[in-house]
């Protein structure tokens, strides 16, 4: 029986997703830890300030219950840089 694992050019898509997730988490952690070492200024704001992207939380009240929905991501420059590096390594190797 054939292997039905999704692949792109001989590389596993699951490995790509794992690499991107690890890069995002590592970039966020690095941003928070290294952000305290730099003095206040435009360089610190560019590299260490996060941008919140997503759907704002909203509440639906049904009288007997309240449901709250929302989804948000905090994106930092380090996270974007590490994702680009992870994509490069995934494509190259």
C-alpha atoms as a PDB file:
ATOM      1  CA  UNK A   1       0.000   0.000   0.000  1.00  0.00           C
ATOM      2  CA  UNK A   2       1.274   3.479  -0.817  1.00  0.00           C
ATOM      3  CA  UNK A   3       2.320   5.981   1.799  1.00  0.00           C
ATOM      4  CA  UNK A   4      -0.436   8.615   1.847  1.00  0.00           C
ATOM      5  CA  UNK A   5       1.449  11.200   3.874  1.00  0.00           C
ATOM      6  CA  UNK A   6       1.182  14.723   2.435  1.00  0.00           C
ATOM      7  CA  UNK A   7       4.487  15.824   0.952  1.00  0.00           C
ATOM      8  CA  UNK A   8       5.767  18.836  -0.948  1.00  0.00           C
ATOM      9  CA  UNK A   9       8.892  18.241  -2.984  1.00  0.00           C
ATOM     10  CA  UNK A  10       9.959  15.332  -0.783  1.00  0.00           C
ATOM     11  CA  UNK A  11       9.378  17.227   2.456  1.00  0.00           C
ATOM     12  CA  UNK A  12       6.654  16.519   4.974  1.00  0.00           C
ATOM     13  CA  UNK A  13       3.941  19.157   5.437  1.00  0.00           C
ATOM     14  CA  UNK A  14       3.644  18.108   9.077  1.00  0.00           C
ATOM     15  CA  UNK A  15       7.299  18.983   9.586  1.00  0.00           C
ATOM     16  CA  UNK A  16       6.647  22.418   8.070  1.00  0.00           C
ATOM     17  CA  UNK A  17       3.738  23.066  10.424  1.00  0.00           C
ATOM     18  CA  UNK A  18       5.789  21.923  13.410  1.00  0.00           C
ATOM     19  CA  UNK A  19       8.729  24.122  12.377  1.00  0.00           C
ATOM     20  CA  UNK A  20       6.507  27.183  11.973  1.00  0.00           C
ATOM     21  CA  UNK A  21       4.807  26.627  15.342  1.00  0.00           C
ATOM     22  CA  UNK A  22       8.143  26.180  17.121  1.00  0.00           C
ATOM     23  CA  UNK A  23       9.511  29.296  15.388  1.00  0.00           C
ATOM     24  CA  UNK A  24       6.504  31.392  16.437  1.00  0.00           C
ATOM     25  CA  UNK A  25       6.718  30.287  20.061  1.00  0.00           C
ATOM     26  CA  UNK A  26      10.511  30.723  20.191  1.00  0.00           C
ATOM     27  CA  UNK A  27      10.250  34.179  18.584  1.00  0.00           C
ATOM     28  CA  UNK A  28       7.656  35.300  21.095  1.00  0.00           C
ATOM     29  CA  UNK A  29       9.688  34.000  24.040  1.00  0.00           C
ATOM     30  CA  UNK A  30      12.839  35.702  22.735  1.00  0.00           C
ATOM     31  CA  UNK A  31      10.945  38.963  22.283  1.00  0.00           C
ATOM     32  CA  UNK A  32       9.685  38.978  25.844  1.00  0.00           C
ATOM     33  CA  UNK A  33      13.035  38.062  27.380  1.00  0.00           C
ATOM     34  CA  UNK A  34      15.239  40.311  25.245  1.00  0.00           C
ATOM     35  CA  UNK A  35      12.791  43.229  25.376  1.00  0.00           C
ATOM     36  CA  UNK A  36      13.844  44.044  28.924  1.00  0.00           C
ATOM     37  CA  UNK A  37      17.510  44.366  27.977  1.00  0.00           C
ATOM     38  CA  UNK A  38      17.108  47.203  25.484  1.00  0.00           C
ATOM     39  CA  UNK A  39      16.546  50.837  26.458  1.00  0.00           C
ATOM     40  CA  UNK A  40      13.288  52.525  25.493  1.00  0.00           C
ATOM     41  CA  UNK A  41      13.304  53.906  21.979  1.00  0.00           C
ATOM     42  CA  UNK A  42      12.301  53.222  18.383  1.00  0.00           C
ATOM     43  CA  UNK A  43      14.536  50.136  17.999  1.00  0.00           C
ATOM     44  CA  UNK A  44      12.975  48.486  21.027  1.00  0.00           C
ATOM     45  CA  UNK A  45       9.493  49.371  19.789  1.00  0.00           C
ATOM     46  CA  UNK A  46      10.189  47.889  16.356  1.00  0.00           C
ATOM     47  CA  UNK A  47      11.683  44.596  17.486  1.00  0.00           C
ATOM     48  CA  UNK A  48       9.852  43.900  20.738  1.00  0.00           C
ATOM     49  CA  UNK A  49       6.379  45.412  20.509  1.00  0.00           C
ATOM     50  CA  UNK A  50       3.684  42.939  19.563  1.00  0.00           C
ATOM     51  CA  UNK A  51       0.909  43.524  17.060  1.00  0.00           C
ATOM     52  CA  UNK A  52      -2.420  41.961  17.979  1.00  0.00           C
ATOM     53  CA  UNK A  53      -4.241  40.455  14.993  1.00  0.00           C
ATOM     54  CA  UNK A  54      -7.580  38.714  15.173  1.00  0.00           C
ATOM     55  CA  UNK A  55     -11.257  38.890  15.919  1.00  0.00           C
ATOM     56  CA  UNK A  56     -12.175  40.913  19.002  1.00  0.00           C
ATOM     57  CA  UNK A  57     -14.065  39.071  21.717  1.00  0.00           C
ATOM     58  CA  UNK A  58     -17.843  39.368  21.571  1.00  0.00           C
ATOM     59  CA  UNK A  59     -20.505  37.970  23.854  1.00  0.00           C
ATOM     60  CA  UNK A  60     -23.837  36.391  22.945  1.00  0.00           C
ATOM     61  CA  UNK A  61     -26.335  36.439  25.792  1.00  0.00           C
ATOM     62  CA  UNK A  62     -29.097  33.848  25.586  1.00  0.00           C
ATOM     63  CA  UNK A  63     -30.785  34.817  28.827  1.00  0.00           C
ATOM     64  CA  UNK A  64     -29.811  31.655  30.665  1.00  0.00           C
ATOM     65  CA  UNK A  65     -26.212  31.517  29.382  1.00  0.00           C
ATOM     66  CA  UNK A  66     -23.557  33.792  27.945  1.00  0.00           C
ATOM     67  CA  UNK A  67     -21.184  32.679  25.217  1.00  0.00           C
ATOM     68  CA  UNK A  68     -17.987  34.582  24.455  1.00  0.00           C
ATOM     69  CA  UNK A  69     -16.131  34.127  21.172  1.00  0.00           C
ATOM     70  CA  UNK A  70     -12.872  35.600  19.894  1.00  0.00           C
ATOM     71  CA  UNK A  71      -9.454  34.787  18.510  1.00  0.00           C
ATOM     72  CA  UNK A  72      -6.280  36.872  18.674  1.00  0.00           C
ATOM     73  CA  UNK A  73      -2.611  36.413  17.832  1.00  0.00           C
ATOM     74  CA  UNK A  74       0.247  38.573  19.073  1.00  0.00           C
ATOM     75  CA  UNK A  75       2.860  38.845  16.336  1.00  0.00           C
ATOM     76  CA  UNK A  76       6.372  40.132  17.056  1.00  0.00           C
ATOM     77  CA  UNK A  77       9.210  40.914  14.679  1.00  0.00           C
ATOM     78  CA  UNK A  78      11.353  38.134  16.144  1.00  0.00           C
ATOM     79  CA  UNK A  79       8.560  35.630  15.517  1.00  0.00           C
ATOM     80  CA  UNK A  80       8.335  36.700  11.878  1.00  0.00           C
ATOM     81  CA  UNK A  81      12.127  36.502  11.464  1.00  0.00           C
ATOM     82  CA  UNK A  82      12.252  33.006  12.967  1.00  0.00           C
ATOM     83  CA  UNK A  83       9.363  31.824  10.778  1.00  0.00           C
ATOM     84  CA  UNK A  84      11.230  33.041   7.691  1.00  0.00           C
ATOM     85  CA  UNK A  85      14.372  31.215   8.880  1.00  0.00           C
ATOM     86  CA  UNK A  86      12.356  28.028   9.537  1.00  0.00           C
ATOM     87  CA  UNK A  87      10.801  28.217   6.061  1.00  0.00           C
ATOM     88  CA  UNK A  88      14.216  28.734   4.520  1.00  0.00           C
ATOM     89  CA  UNK A  89      15.684  25.701   6.298  1.00  0.00           C
ATOM     90  CA  UNK A  90      12.640  23.584   5.447  1.00  0.00           C
ATOM     91  CA  UNK A  91      12.929  24.510   1.779  1.00  0.00           C
ATOM     92  CA  UNK A  92      16.733  24.191   1.596  1.00  0.00           C
ATOM     93  CA  UNK A  93      17.125  20.900   3.477  1.00  0.00           C
END
